[in-house]
């Protein structure tokens, strides 16, 4: 993704020393910020294509930075943090993070996740109406779903669920986020209800529902829709 501008938000000098040369060598233009306020100012000034965000910043929690970032832009955000608690990951995804990488990390994995986040962001910007994944085609405005060219018969609610997942392809979605969007706030804690619908949906759209390749489970978090590369 040569030429993409990445904002690295981390107050650890050693992390900056590792990331800057590696990202530069991979063709990225690197901007650095060490506080949340600097990060928000950099987004306004430089309009980065992607953001790498640490949660442990000196002036404000990274989740608060993420919340404010989402008011400013839909720029892909990859959280890079030493916090490995499930609750931290879920909170970050609920606030709109596109991915979560734990420290210590492998540079190759981080670069791969950056490429994926940028690709999905560009696909969403260019064509959010029709999503393709492993023989599945979802035409959101026309409410048409086909599997290997044949119509897939979904209930209205199954389609709503599939469309929401497809529109956010590539990003882990939490149980609460999905339930709130598809069924409303009153059902945001009905995780078992969601699991039943996911099972029904997989049976209709997956080649093998026992080993799903389109709607995959993110353990402890929720689900991720895997769209095909374009």
C-alpha atoms as a PDB file:
ATOM      1  CA  UNK A   1       0.000   0.000   0.000  1.00  0.00           C
ATOM      2  CA  UNK A   2       2.820   2.362  -1.008  1.00  0.00           C
ATOM      3  CA  UNK A   3       2.265   6.045  -0.353  1.00  0.00           C
ATOM      4  CA  UNK A   4      -0.317   5.553   2.388  1.00  0.00           C
ATOM      5  CA  UNK A   5       0.018   7.922   5.326  1.00  0.00           C
ATOM      6  CA  UNK A   6       0.071   6.263   8.751  1.00  0.00           C
ATOM      7  CA  UNK A   7      -0.301   8.027  12.088  1.00  0.00           C
ATOM      8  CA  UNK A   8       1.480   6.195  14.911  1.00  0.00           C
ATOM      9  CA  UNK A   9       0.132   7.165  18.342  1.00  0.00           C
ATOM     10  CA  UNK A  10       2.410   5.767  21.065  1.00  0.00           C
ATOM     11  CA  UNK A  11       4.432   7.393  23.848  1.00  0.00           C
ATOM     12  CA  UNK A  12       7.026   4.599  24.067  1.00  0.00           C
ATOM     13  CA  UNK A  13      10.242   5.745  22.290  1.00  0.00           C
ATOM     14  CA  UNK A  14      11.303   2.159  21.634  1.00  0.00           C
ATOM     15  CA  UNK A  15       8.043   1.423  19.802  1.00  0.00           C
ATOM     16  CA  UNK A  16       8.464   4.523  17.663  1.00  0.00           C
ATOM     17  CA  UNK A  17      12.076   3.513  16.917  1.00  0.00           C
ATOM     18  CA  UNK A  18      10.870   0.095  15.728  1.00  0.00           C
ATOM     19  CA  UNK A  19       7.835   1.255  13.769  1.00  0.00           C
ATOM     20  CA  UNK A  20       9.186   4.262  11.877  1.00  0.00           C
ATOM     21  CA  UNK A  21      11.958   2.509   9.884  1.00  0.00           C
ATOM     22  CA  UNK A  22       9.871  -0.607   9.257  1.00  0.00           C
ATOM     23  CA  UNK A  23       6.851   1.355   8.049  1.00  0.00           C
ATOM     24  CA  UNK A  24       9.005   3.699   5.965  1.00  0.00           C
ATOM     25  CA  UNK A  25      10.777   0.729   4.354  1.00  0.00           C
ATOM     26  CA  UNK A  26       7.329  -0.673   3.477  1.00  0.00           C
ATOM     27  CA  UNK A  27       6.418   2.513   1.617  1.00  0.00           C
ATOM     28  CA  UNK A  28       4.367   4.320   4.259  1.00  0.00           C
ATOM     29  CA  UNK A  29       4.613   8.001   5.106  1.00  0.00           C
ATOM     30  CA  UNK A  30       4.877   8.081   8.902  1.00  0.00           C
ATOM     31  CA  UNK A  31       3.469  10.728  11.241  1.00  0.00           C
ATOM     32  CA  UNK A  32       4.023  10.371  14.982  1.00  0.00           C
ATOM     33  CA  UNK A  33       2.099  11.485  18.059  1.00  0.00           C
ATOM     34  CA  UNK A  34       2.834  10.699  21.699  1.00  0.00           C
ATOM     35  CA  UNK A  35      -0.385  11.974  23.311  1.00  0.00           C
ATOM     36  CA  UNK A  36      -4.077  11.794  22.590  1.00  0.00           C
ATOM     37  CA  UNK A  37      -4.316  15.524  21.964  1.00  0.00           C
ATOM     38  CA  UNK A  38      -1.446  15.370  19.475  1.00  0.00           C
ATOM     39  CA  UNK A  39      -3.169  12.456  17.735  1.00  0.00           C
ATOM     40  CA  UNK A  40      -6.459  14.330  17.309  1.00  0.00           C
ATOM     41  CA  UNK A  41      -4.632  17.401  16.022  1.00  0.00           C
ATOM     42  CA  UNK A  42      -2.637  15.249  13.566  1.00  0.00           C
ATOM     43  CA  UNK A  43      -5.840  13.697  12.186  1.00  0.00           C
ATOM     44  CA  UNK A  44      -7.255  17.166  11.502  1.00  0.00           C
ATOM     45  CA  UNK A  45      -4.023  18.447   9.971  1.00  0.00           C
ATOM     46  CA  UNK A  46      -2.713  15.466   8.008  1.00  0.00           C
ATOM     47  CA  UNK A  47      -5.775  13.262   7.249  1.00  0.00           C
ATOM     48  CA  UNK A  48      -3.915   9.941   7.647  1.00  0.00           C
ATOM     49  CA  UNK A  49      -5.007   6.871   5.695  1.00  0.00           C
ATOM     50  CA  UNK A  50      -4.615   4.597   8.727  1.00  0.00           C
ATOM     51  CA  UNK A  51      -3.912   4.990  12.445  1.00  0.00           C
ATOM     52  CA  UNK A  52      -1.957   2.769  14.844  1.00  0.00           C
ATOM     53  CA  UNK A  53      -3.143   3.589  18.362  1.00  0.00           C
ATOM     54  CA  UNK A  54      -1.768   2.618  21.766  1.00  0.00           C
ATOM     55  CA  UNK A  55      -4.294   2.612  24.609  1.00  0.00           C
ATOM     56  CA  UNK A  56      -1.864   3.674  27.361  1.00  0.00           C
ATOM     57  CA  UNK A  57      -1.270   7.350  26.586  1.00  0.00           C
ATOM     58  CA  UNK A  58      -0.058   9.927  29.134  1.00  0.00           C
ATOM     59  CA  UNK A  59      -2.887  12.472  28.802  1.00  0.00           C
ATOM     60  CA  UNK A  60      -6.004  10.349  28.148  1.00  0.00           C
ATOM     61  CA  UNK A  61      -7.018   6.744  27.733  1.00  0.00           C
ATOM     62  CA  UNK A  62      -6.648   5.456  24.191  1.00  0.00           C
ATOM     63  CA  UNK A  63     -10.297   4.391  24.149  1.00  0.00           C
ATOM     64  CA  UNK A  64     -11.322   8.004  24.674  1.00  0.00           C
ATOM     65  CA  UNK A  65      -9.032   8.982  21.799  1.00  0.00           C
ATOM     66  CA  UNK A  66     -10.719   6.314  19.670  1.00  0.00           C
ATOM     67  CA  UNK A  67     -14.166   7.628  20.564  1.00  0.00           C
ATOM     68  CA  UNK A  68     -13.165  11.148  19.524  1.00  0.00           C
ATOM     69  CA  UNK A  69     -11.464   9.879  16.377  1.00  0.00           C
ATOM     70  CA  UNK A  70     -14.685   8.247  15.274  1.00  0.00           C
ATOM     71  CA  UNK A  71     -16.423  11.623  15.485  1.00  0.00           C
ATOM     72  CA  UNK A  72     -13.789  13.104  13.173  1.00  0.00           C
ATOM     73  CA  UNK A  73     -13.335  10.355  10.585  1.00  0.00           C
ATOM     74  CA  UNK A  74     -13.818   6.724   9.559  1.00  0.00           C
ATOM     75  CA  UNK A  75     -10.063   6.241   9.136  1.00  0.00           C
ATOM     76  CA  UNK A  76      -9.061   2.608   9.837  1.00  0.00           C
ATOM     77  CA  UNK A  77      -7.660   2.261  13.362  1.00  0.00           C
ATOM     78  CA  UNK A  78      -5.501  -0.635  14.535  1.00  0.00           C
ATOM     79  CA  UNK A  79      -5.086  -0.728  18.301  1.00  0.00           C
ATOM     80  CA  UNK A  80      -1.557  -1.753  19.317  1.00  0.00           C
ATOM     81  CA  UNK A  81      -1.556  -2.380  23.052  1.00  0.00           C
ATOM     82  CA  UNK A  82      -0.102  -4.412  25.884  1.00  0.00           C
ATOM     83  CA  UNK A  83      -3.588  -4.728  27.366  1.00  0.00           C
ATOM     84  CA  UNK A  84      -4.621  -8.297  26.687  1.00  0.00           C
ATOM     85  CA  UNK A  85      -7.877  -8.454  28.669  1.00  0.00           C
ATOM     86  CA  UNK A  86     -10.900  -9.514  26.680  1.00  0.00           C
ATOM     87  CA  UNK A  87     -12.895  -6.590  28.066  1.00  0.00           C
ATOM     88  CA  UNK A  88     -10.379  -4.097  26.642  1.00  0.00           C
ATOM     89  CA  UNK A  89     -10.600  -5.651  23.190  1.00  0.00           C
ATOM     90  CA  UNK A  90     -14.393  -5.670  23.232  1.00  0.00           C
ATOM     91  CA  UNK A  91     -14.498  -2.031  24.364  1.00  0.00           C
ATOM     92  CA  UNK A  92     -12.095  -1.024  21.578  1.00  0.00           C
ATOM     93  CA  UNK A  93     -14.132  -2.824  18.921  1.00  0.00           C
ATOM     94  CA  UNK A  94     -17.362  -1.335  20.272  1.00  0.00           C
ATOM     95  CA  UNK A  95     -15.803   2.109  19.840  1.00  0.00           C
ATOM     96  CA  UNK A  96     -14.938   1.391  16.208  1.00  0.00           C
ATOM     97  CA  UNK A  97     -11.446  -0.131  16.139  1.00  0.00           C
ATOM     98  CA  UNK A  98     -10.771  -2.080  12.950  1.00  0.00           C
ATOM     99  CA  UNK A  99      -8.305  -4.504  14.536  1.00  0.00           C
ATOM    100  CA  UNK A 100      -6.402  -5.195  17.753  1.00  0.00           C
ATOM    101  CA  UNK A 101      -2.770  -6.315  17.959  1.00  0.00           C
ATOM    102  CA  UNK A 102      -1.195  -7.177  21.292  1.00  0.00           C
ATOM    103  CA  UNK A 103       2.312  -6.142  22.347  1.00  0.00           C
ATOM    104  CA  UNK A 104       4.823  -7.672  21.937  1.00  0.00           C
ATOM    105  CA  UNK A 105       4.008  -8.028  18.256  1.00  0.00           C
ATOM    106  CA  UNK A 106       5.512  -9.340  15.041  1.00  0.00           C
ATOM    107  CA  UNK A 107       6.117  -6.610  12.477  1.00  0.00           C
ATOM    108  CA  UNK A 108       5.055  -8.862   9.614  1.00  0.00           C
ATOM    109  CA  UNK A 109       1.674  -9.505  11.232  1.00  0.00           C
ATOM    110  CA  UNK A 110       1.105  -5.804  11.889  1.00  0.00           C
ATOM    111  CA  UNK A 111       1.916  -4.928   8.278  1.00  0.00           C
ATOM    112  CA  UNK A 112      -0.458  -7.631   7.029  1.00  0.00           C
ATOM    113  CA  UNK A 113      -3.273  -6.321   9.227  1.00  0.00           C
ATOM    114  CA  UNK A 114      -2.609  -2.793   8.021  1.00  0.00           C
ATOM    115  CA  UNK A 115      -2.873  -3.900   4.400  1.00  0.00           C
ATOM    116  CA  UNK A 116      -6.146  -5.693   5.163  1.00  0.00           C
ATOM    117  CA  UNK A 117      -7.636  -2.680   6.980  1.00  0.00           C
ATOM    118  CA  UNK A 118      -6.654  -0.329   4.154  1.00  0.00           C
ATOM    119  CA  UNK A 119      -8.007  -2.685   1.503  1.00  0.00           C
ATOM    120  CA  UNK A 120     -11.362  -3.044   3.245  1.00  0.00           C
ATOM    121  CA  UNK A 121     -11.535   0.710   3.766  1.00  0.00           C
ATOM    122  CA  UNK A 122     -10.937   1.366   0.073  1.00  0.00           C
ATOM    123  CA  UNK A 123     -13.443  -1.294  -0.973  1.00  0.00           C
ATOM    124  CA  UNK A 124     -16.064   0.204   1.321  1.00  0.00           C
ATOM    125  CA  UNK A 125     -15.444   3.658  -0.086  1.00  0.00           C
ATOM    126  CA  UNK A 126     -15.621   2.516  -3.708  1.00  0.00           C
ATOM    127  CA  UNK A 127     -18.473   0.030  -3.492  1.00  0.00           C
ATOM    128  CA  UNK A 128     -20.460  -0.536  -0.318  1.00  0.00           C
ATOM    129  CA  UNK A 129     -23.496  -1.737  -2.256  1.00  0.00           C
ATOM    130  CA  UNK A 130     -22.367  -5.223  -3.294  1.00  0.00           C
ATOM    131  CA  UNK A 131     -20.103  -7.528  -1.289  1.00  0.00           C
ATOM    132  CA  UNK A 132     -18.581 -10.798  -2.504  1.00  0.00           C
ATOM    133  CA  UNK A 133     -17.208 -13.584  -0.316  1.00  0.00           C
ATOM    134  CA  UNK A 134     -16.311 -17.206  -1.161  1.00  0.00           C
ATOM    135  CA  UNK A 135     -19.018 -17.677  -3.807  1.00  0.00           C
ATOM    136  CA  UNK A 136     -21.509 -15.465  -1.962  1.00  0.00           C
ATOM    137  CA  UNK A 137     -22.811 -12.192  -3.396  1.00  0.00           C
ATOM    138  CA  UNK A 138     -24.739  -9.732  -1.223  1.00  0.00           C
ATOM    139  CA  UNK A 139     -26.475  -6.866  -3.032  1.00  0.00           C
ATOM    140  CA  UNK A 140     -27.516  -4.656  -0.124  1.00  0.00           C
ATOM    141  CA  UNK A 141     -29.844  -2.102  -1.777  1.00  0.00           C
ATOM    142  CA  UNK A 142     -31.651  -4.726  -3.849  1.00  0.00           C
ATOM    143  CA  UNK A 143     -31.745  -7.191  -0.909  1.00  0.00           C
ATOM    144  CA  UNK A 144     -30.503  -9.984  -3.156  1.00  0.00           C
ATOM    145  CA  UNK A 145     -28.213 -12.791  -1.984  1.00  0.00           C
ATOM    146  CA  UNK A 146     -26.813 -15.499  -4.243  1.00  0.00           C
ATOM    147  CA  UNK A 147     -24.627 -18.491  -3.510  1.00  0.00           C
ATOM    148  CA  UNK A 148     -22.604 -19.689  -6.523  1.00  0.00           C
ATOM    149  CA  UNK A 149     -25.121 -17.874  -8.725  1.00  0.00           C
ATOM    150  CA  UNK A 150     -28.230 -19.441  -7.166  1.00  0.00           C
ATOM    151  CA  UNK A 151     -30.605 -17.387  -4.961  1.00  0.00           C
ATOM    152  CA  UNK A 152     -30.196 -17.869  -1.215  1.00  0.00           C
ATOM    153  CA  UNK A 153     -33.541 -17.775   0.552  1.00  0.00           C
ATOM    154  CA  UNK A 154     -33.154 -15.706   3.706  1.00  0.00           C
ATOM    155  CA  UNK A 155     -35.742 -14.366   6.099  1.00  0.00           C
ATOM    156  CA  UNK A 156     -35.904 -10.552   6.364  1.00  0.00           C
ATOM    157  CA  UNK A 157     -34.070 -10.606   9.688  1.00  0.00           C
ATOM    158  CA  UNK A 158     -31.423 -13.000   8.395  1.00  0.00           C
ATOM    159  CA  UNK A 159     -30.802 -10.606   5.512  1.00  0.00           C
ATOM    160  CA  UNK A 160     -30.571  -7.630   7.881  1.00  0.00           C
ATOM    161  CA  UNK A 161     -27.973  -9.510   9.923  1.00  0.00           C
ATOM    162  CA  UNK A 162     -25.990 -10.551   6.853  1.00  0.00           C
ATOM    163  CA  UNK A 163     -26.125  -7.037   5.369  1.00  0.00           C
ATOM    164  CA  UNK A 164     -24.819  -5.476   8.578  1.00  0.00           C
ATOM    165  CA  UNK A 165     -21.930  -7.942   8.731  1.00  0.00           C
ATOM    166  CA  UNK A 166     -21.152  -7.463   5.030  1.00  0.00           C
ATOM    167  CA  UNK A 167     -21.171  -3.673   5.259  1.00  0.00           C
ATOM    168  CA  UNK A 168     -18.480  -3.951   7.937  1.00  0.00           C
ATOM    169  CA  UNK A 169     -16.467  -6.664   6.172  1.00  0.00           C
ATOM    170  CA  UNK A 170     -13.047  -7.259   7.647  1.00  0.00           C
ATOM    171  CA  UNK A 171     -13.771  -5.665  11.025  1.00  0.00           C
ATOM    172  CA  UNK A 172     -14.521  -7.698  14.150  1.00  0.00           C
ATOM    173  CA  UNK A 173     -18.008  -6.842  15.398  1.00  0.00           C
ATOM    174  CA  UNK A 174     -18.999  -7.430  19.007  1.00  0.00           C
ATOM    175  CA  UNK A 175     -22.163  -9.271  20.039  1.00  0.00           C
ATOM    176  CA  UNK A 176     -23.589  -6.072  21.551  1.00  0.00           C
ATOM    177  CA  UNK A 177     -22.777  -4.017  18.438  1.00  0.00           C
ATOM    178  CA  UNK A 178     -24.535  -6.487  16.124  1.00  0.00           C
ATOM    179  CA  UNK A 179     -27.551  -7.001  18.357  1.00  0.00           C
ATOM    180  CA  UNK A 180     -28.057  -3.277  18.885  1.00  0.00           C
ATOM    181  CA  UNK A 181     -27.825  -2.528  15.158  1.00  0.00           C
ATOM    182  CA  UNK A 182     -30.023  -5.390  13.903  1.00  0.00           C
ATOM    183  CA  UNK A 183     -32.532  -5.924  16.728  1.00  0.00           C
ATOM    184  CA  UNK A 184     -32.340  -2.673  18.687  1.00  0.00           C
ATOM    185  CA  UNK A 185     -30.958  -1.582  22.087  1.00  0.00           C
ATOM    186  CA  UNK A 186     -33.415  -3.729  24.035  1.00  0.00           C
ATOM    187  CA  UNK A 187     -31.735  -6.889  22.687  1.00  0.00           C
ATOM    188  CA  UNK A 188     -28.059  -5.874  22.923  1.00  0.00           C
ATOM    189  CA  UNK A 189     -27.345  -8.459  25.617  1.00  0.00           C
ATOM    190  CA  UNK A 190     -29.112 -11.415  23.934  1.00  0.00           C
ATOM    191  CA  UNK A 191     -25.928 -13.200  22.819  1.00  0.00           C
ATOM    192  CA  UNK A 192     -27.577 -16.614  22.684  1.00  0.00           C
ATOM    193  CA  UNK A 193     -30.266 -15.197  20.398  1.00  0.00           C
ATOM    194  CA  UNK A 194     -27.537 -13.962  18.048  1.00  0.00           C
ATOM    195  CA  UNK A 195     -25.743 -17.320  18.057  1.00  0.00           C
ATOM    196  CA  UNK A 196     -28.938 -19.039  16.910  1.00  0.00           C
ATOM    197  CA  UNK A 197     -29.336 -16.635  13.980  1.00  0.00           C
ATOM    198  CA  UNK A 198     -25.660 -16.913  13.032  1.00  0.00           C
ATOM    199  CA  UNK A 199     -26.074 -20.701  12.943  1.00  0.00           C
ATOM    200  CA  UNK A 200     -29.125 -20.408  10.691  1.00  0.00           C
ATOM    201  CA  UNK A 201     -27.355 -17.956   8.411  1.00  0.00           C
ATOM    202  CA  UNK A 202     -24.236 -20.107   8.103  1.00  0.00           C
ATOM    203  CA  UNK A 203     -26.374 -23.099   7.149  1.00  0.00           C
ATOM    204  CA  UNK A 204     -27.722 -21.122   4.178  1.00  0.00           C
ATOM    205  CA  UNK A 205     -24.613 -19.300   2.918  1.00  0.00           C
ATOM    206  CA  UNK A 206     -21.548 -21.349   3.887  1.00  0.00           C
ATOM    207  CA  UNK A 207     -20.140 -24.209   1.857  1.00  0.00           C
ATOM    208  CA  UNK A 208     -19.745 -26.032   5.150  1.00  0.00           C
ATOM    209  CA  UNK A 209     -21.434 -24.471   8.168  1.00  0.00           C
ATOM    210  CA  UNK A 210     -19.198 -26.472  10.526  1.00  0.00           C
ATOM    211  CA  UNK A 211     -16.087 -24.762   9.132  1.00  0.00           C
ATOM    212  CA  UNK A 212     -17.292 -21.285   8.120  1.00  0.00           C
ATOM    213  CA  UNK A 213     -15.181 -19.177   5.772  1.00  0.00           C
ATOM    214  CA  UNK A 214     -17.469 -16.160   5.442  1.00  0.00           C
ATOM    215  CA  UNK A 215     -18.802 -15.441   8.930  1.00  0.00           C
ATOM    216  CA  UNK A 216     -15.998 -16.417  11.295  1.00  0.00           C
ATOM    217  CA  UNK A 217     -16.094 -16.333  15.073  1.00  0.00           C
ATOM    218  CA  UNK A 218     -13.847 -13.922  16.956  1.00  0.00           C
ATOM    219  CA  UNK A 219     -13.473 -15.759  20.298  1.00  0.00           C
ATOM    220  CA  UNK A 220     -14.729 -13.702  23.209  1.00  0.00           C
ATOM    221  CA  UNK A 221     -15.622 -10.788  20.932  1.00  0.00           C
ATOM    222  CA  UNK A 222     -18.174 -11.595  18.237  1.00  0.00           C
ATOM    223  CA  UNK A 223     -17.996 -12.217  14.487  1.00  0.00           C
ATOM    224  CA  UNK A 224     -16.095 -11.062  11.409  1.00  0.00           C
ATOM    225  CA  UNK A 225     -17.316 -11.163   7.785  1.00  0.00           C
ATOM    226  CA  UNK A 226     -14.488 -12.140   5.427  1.00  0.00           C
ATOM    227  CA  UNK A 227     -14.995 -10.602   2.001  1.00  0.00           C
ATOM    228  CA  UNK A 228     -13.049 -11.767  -1.047  1.00  0.00           C
ATOM    229  CA  UNK A 229     -10.144  -9.642  -2.222  1.00  0.00           C
ATOM    230  CA  UNK A 230     -10.745  -7.557  -5.318  1.00  0.00           C
END
